[in-house]
Amino acid sequence: MQAYCFKCRSKREIKNAQHVTLKNGRPATRGVCPVCGTKVFRIGKK
């Protein structure tokens, strides 16, 4: 799965991906950018 990294300004594969659920019940994925190590986050899709 990919997410947009704001530091690299491009889409990157999510490293150490964790599936989480938001307060409103929507699924999301959290992880880090493999290039720069910045946190990335994507709402939707598991």
PDB file of N, CA and C in Angstrom:
ATOM      1  N   MET A   1       0.840  -1.183   0.000  1.00  0.00           N
ATOM      2  CA  MET A   1       0.000   0.000   0.000  1.00  0.00           C
ATOM      3  C   MET A   1       0.884   1.245   0.000  1.00  0.00           C
ATOM      4  N   GLN A   2       0.426   2.272  -0.662  1.00  0.00           N
ATOM      5  CA  GLN A   2       1.181   3.510  -0.752  1.00  0.00           C
ATOM      6  C   GLN A   2       0.453   4.652  -0.053  1.00  0.00           C
ATOM      7  N   ALA A   3       1.243   5.613   0.401  1.00  0.00           N
ATOM      8  CA  ALA A   3       0.716   6.832   0.999  1.00  0.00           C
ATOM      9  C   ALA A   3       1.596   7.984   0.547  1.00  0.00           C
ATOM     10  N   TYR A   4       1.059   9.188   0.590  1.00  0.00           N
ATOM     11  CA  TYR A   4       1.811  10.372   0.169  1.00  0.00           C
ATOM     12  C   TYR A   4       2.708  10.849   1.308  1.00  0.00           C
ATOM     13  N   CYS A   5       3.997  10.994   1.018  1.00  0.00           N
ATOM     14  CA  CYS A   5       4.949  11.523   2.001  1.00  0.00           C
ATOM     15  C   CYS A   5       5.122  13.015   1.729  1.00  0.00           C
ATOM     16  N   PHE A   6       4.806  13.846   2.710  1.00  0.00           N
ATOM     17  CA  PHE A   6       4.880  15.293   2.524  1.00  0.00           C
ATOM     18  C   PHE A   6       6.318  15.801   2.496  1.00  0.00           C
ATOM     19  N   LYS A   7       7.230  15.085   3.117  1.00  0.00           N
ATOM     20  CA  LYS A   7       8.626  15.507   3.118  1.00  0.00           C
ATOM     21  C   LYS A   7       9.286  15.192   1.769  1.00  0.00           C
ATOM     22  N   CYS A   8       9.025  13.991   1.227  1.00  0.00           N
ATOM     23  CA  CYS A   8       9.587  13.595  -0.078  1.00  0.00           C
ATOM     24  C   CYS A   8       8.778  14.166  -1.251  1.00  0.00           C
ATOM     25  N   ARG A   9       7.550  14.562  -0.965  1.00  0.00           N
ATOM     26  CA  ARG A   9       6.625  15.071  -1.973  1.00  0.00           C
ATOM     27  C   ARG A   9       6.348  14.051  -3.080  1.00  0.00           C
ATOM     28  N   SER A  10       6.155  12.793  -2.683  1.00  0.00           N
ATOM     29  CA  SER A  10       5.803  11.748  -3.639  1.00  0.00           C
ATOM     30  C   SER A  10       5.143  10.586  -2.891  1.00  0.00           C
ATOM     31  N   LYS A  11       4.533   9.671  -3.655  1.00  0.00           N
ATOM     32  CA  LYS A  11       3.920   8.495  -3.048  1.00  0.00           C
ATOM     33  C   LYS A  11       4.994   7.466  -2.762  1.00  0.00           C
ATOM     34  N   ARG A  12       4.911   6.857  -1.585  1.00  0.00           N
ATOM     35  CA  ARG A  12       5.882   5.853  -1.153  1.00  0.00           C
ATOM     36  C   ARG A  12       5.145   4.659  -0.563  1.00  0.00           C
ATOM     37  N   GLU A  13       5.782   3.497  -0.616  1.00  0.00           N
ATOM     38  CA  GLU A  13       5.242   2.320   0.050  1.00  0.00           C
ATOM     39  C   GLU A  13       5.286   2.566   1.557  1.00  0.00           C
ATOM     40  N   ILE A  14       4.287   2.070   2.275  1.00  0.00           N
ATOM     41  CA  ILE A  14       4.241   2.257   3.726  1.00  0.00           C
ATOM     42  C   ILE A  14       5.068   1.166   4.394  1.00  0.00           C
ATOM     43  N   LYS A  15       6.039   1.575   5.208  1.00  0.00           N
ATOM     44  CA  LYS A  15       6.873   0.640   5.952  1.00  0.00           C
ATOM     45  C   LYS A  15       6.306   0.522   7.361  1.00  0.00           C
ATOM     46  N   ASN A  16       6.341  -0.677   7.940  1.00  0.00           N
ATOM     47  CA  ASN A  16       5.790  -0.945   9.282  1.00  0.00           C
ATOM     48  C   ASN A  16       4.319  -0.540   9.356  1.00  0.00           C
ATOM     49  N   ALA A  17       3.534  -0.941   8.358  1.00  0.00           N
ATOM     50  CA  ALA A  17       2.120  -0.556   8.267  1.00  0.00           C
ATOM     51  C   ALA A  17       1.309  -1.154   9.414  1.00  0.00           C
ATOM     52  N   GLN A  18       0.471  -0.309  10.021  1.00  0.00           N
ATOM     53  CA  GLN A  18      -0.437  -0.736  11.079  1.00  0.00           C
ATOM     54  C   GLN A  18      -1.837  -0.311  10.693  1.00  0.00           C
ATOM     55  N   HIS A  19      -2.789  -1.256  10.766  1.00  0.00           N
ATOM     56  CA  HIS A  19      -4.178  -0.927  10.467  1.00  0.00           C
ATOM     57  C   HIS A  19      -4.821  -0.390  11.734  1.00  0.00           C
ATOM     58  N   VAL A  20      -5.422   0.782  11.626  1.00  0.00           N
ATOM     59  CA  VAL A  20      -6.069   1.424  12.769  1.00  0.00           C
ATOM     60  C   VAL A  20      -7.493   1.804  12.375  1.00  0.00           C
ATOM     61  N   THR A  21      -8.304   2.096  13.386  1.00  0.00           N
ATOM     62  CA  THR A  21      -9.676   2.546  13.171  1.00  0.00           C
ATOM     63  C   THR A  21      -9.825   3.935  13.770  1.00  0.00           C
ATOM     64  N   LEU A  22     -10.352   4.867  12.976  1.00  0.00           N
ATOM     65  CA  LEU A  22     -10.551   6.231  13.457  1.00  0.00           C
ATOM     66  C   LEU A  22     -11.730   6.287  14.413  1.00  0.00           C
ATOM     67  N   LYS A  23     -11.895   7.413  15.093  1.00  0.00           N
ATOM     68  CA  LYS A  23     -12.988   7.581  16.047  1.00  0.00           C
ATOM     69  C   LYS A  23     -14.353   7.385  15.402  1.00  0.00           C
ATOM     70  N   ASN A  24     -14.485   7.784  14.127  1.00  0.00           N
ATOM     71  CA  ASN A  24     -15.772   7.659  13.452  1.00  0.00           C
ATOM     72  C   ASN A  24     -15.975   6.272  12.831  1.00  0.00           C
ATOM     73  N   GLY A  25     -15.029   5.350  13.051  1.00  0.00           N
ATOM     74  CA  GLY A  25     -15.187   3.981  12.591  1.00  0.00           C
ATOM     75  C   GLY A  25     -14.556   3.668  11.237  1.00  0.00           C
ATOM     76  N   ARG A  26     -14.005   4.664  10.573  1.00  0.00           N
ATOM     77  CA  ARG A  26     -13.387   4.433   9.264  1.00  0.00           C
ATOM     78  C   ARG A  26     -12.023   3.760   9.415  1.00  0.00           C
ATOM     79  N   PRO A  27     -11.683   2.860   8.504  1.00  0.00           N
ATOM     80  CA  PRO A  27     -10.364   2.218   8.574  1.00  0.00           C
ATOM     81  C   PRO A  27      -9.271   3.140   8.054  1.00  0.00           C
ATOM     82  N   ALA A  28      -8.053   2.970   8.550  1.00  0.00           N
ATOM     83  CA  ALA A  28      -6.916   3.766   8.101  1.00  0.00           C
ATOM     84  C   ALA A  28      -5.648   2.946   8.271  1.00  0.00           C
ATOM     85  N   THR A  29      -4.573   3.399   7.640  1.00  0.00           N
ATOM     86  CA  THR A  29      -3.282   2.731   7.750  1.00  0.00           C
ATOM     87  C   THR A  29      -2.232   3.756   8.144  1.00  0.00           C
ATOM     88  N   ARG A  30      -1.395   3.395   9.102  1.00  0.00           N
ATOM     89  CA  ARG A  30      -0.362   4.277   9.624  1.00  0.00           C
ATOM     90  C   ARG A  30       0.984   3.576   9.465  1.00  0.00           C
ATOM     91  N   GLY A  31       2.033   4.347   9.185  1.00  0.00           N
ATOM     92  CA  GLY A  31       3.362   3.761   9.055  1.00  0.00           C
ATOM     93  C   GLY A  31       4.413   4.841   8.884  1.00  0.00           C
ATOM     94  N   VAL A  32       5.558   4.469   8.301  1.00  0.00           N
ATOM     95  CA  VAL A  32       6.639   5.419   8.073  1.00  0.00           C
ATOM     96  C   VAL A  32       7.114   5.319   6.635  1.00  0.00           C
ATOM     97  N   CYS A  33       7.692   6.411   6.154  1.00  0.00           N
ATOM     98  CA  CYS A  33       8.270   6.470   4.816  1.00  0.00           C
ATOM     99  C   CYS A  33       9.597   5.710   4.833  1.00  0.00           C
ATOM    100  N   PRO A  34       9.822   4.776   3.887  1.00  0.00           N
ATOM    101  CA  PRO A  34      11.074   4.020   3.890  1.00  0.00           C
ATOM    102  C   PRO A  34      12.299   4.853   3.503  1.00  0.00           C
ATOM    103  N   VAL A  35      12.097   5.999   2.859  1.00  0.00           N
ATOM    104  CA  VAL A  35      13.213   6.824   2.403  1.00  0.00           C
ATOM    105  C   VAL A  35      13.683   7.802   3.483  1.00  0.00           C
ATOM    106  N   CYS A  36      12.728   8.594   4.037  1.00  0.00           N
ATOM    107  CA  CYS A  36      13.125   9.643   4.983  1.00  0.00           C
ATOM    108  C   CYS A  36      12.724   9.355   6.435  1.00  0.00           C
ATOM    109  N   GLY A  37      11.858   8.373   6.667  1.00  0.00           N
ATOM    110  CA  GLY A  37      11.468   8.021   8.028  1.00  0.00           C
ATOM    111  C   GLY A  37      10.345   8.851   8.609  1.00  0.00           C
ATOM    112  N   THR A  38       9.723   9.721   7.804  1.00  0.00           N
ATOM    113  CA  THR A  38       8.608  10.544   8.255  1.00  0.00           C
ATOM    114  C   THR A  38       7.353   9.677   8.412  1.00  0.00           C
ATOM    115  N   LYS A  39       6.498  10.013   9.366  1.00  0.00           N
ATOM    116  CA  LYS A  39       5.238   9.290   9.534  1.00  0.00           C
ATOM    117  C   LYS A  39       4.335   9.565   8.340  1.00  0.00           C
ATOM    118  N   VAL A  40       3.685   8.508   7.832  1.00  0.00           N
ATOM    119  CA  VAL A  40       2.701   8.664   6.747  1.00  0.00           C
ATOM    120  C   VAL A  40       1.393   8.027   7.209  1.00  0.00           C
ATOM    121  N   PHE A  41       0.291   8.480   6.635  1.00  0.00           N
ATOM    122  CA  PHE A  41      -1.038   8.075   7.080  1.00  0.00           C
ATOM    123  C   PHE A  41      -1.955   8.039   5.880  1.00  0.00           C
ATOM    124  N   ARG A  42      -2.777   6.987   5.786  1.00  0.00           N
ATOM    125  CA  ARG A  42      -3.729   6.896   4.692  1.00  0.00           C
ATOM    126  C   ARG A  42      -5.073   6.446   5.230  1.00  0.00           C
ATOM    127  N   ILE A  43      -6.116   7.207   4.910  1.00  0.00           N
ATOM    128  CA  ILE A  43      -7.468   6.889   5.347  1.00  0.00           C
ATOM    129  C   ILE A  43      -8.108   6.001   4.294  1.00  0.00           C
ATOM    130  N   GLY A  44      -8.832   4.986   4.759  1.00  0.00           N
ATOM    131  CA  GLY A  44      -9.515   4.060   3.865  1.00  0.00           C
ATOM    132  C   GLY A  44      -8.636   2.879   3.509  1.00  0.00           C
ATOM    133  N   LYS A  45      -9.231   1.895   2.882  1.00  0.00           N
ATOM    134  CA  LYS A  45      -8.546   0.666   2.438  1.00  0.00           C
ATOM    135  C   LYS A  45      -7.797  -0.022   3.562  1.00  0.00           C
ATOM    136  N   LYS A  46      -7.863  -1.321   3.559  1.00  0.00           N
ATOM    137  CA  LYS A  46      -7.082  -2.092   4.538  1.00  0.00           C
ATOM    138  C   LYS A  46      -6.018  -2.864   3.843  1.00  0.00           C
TER     139      LYS A  46
END
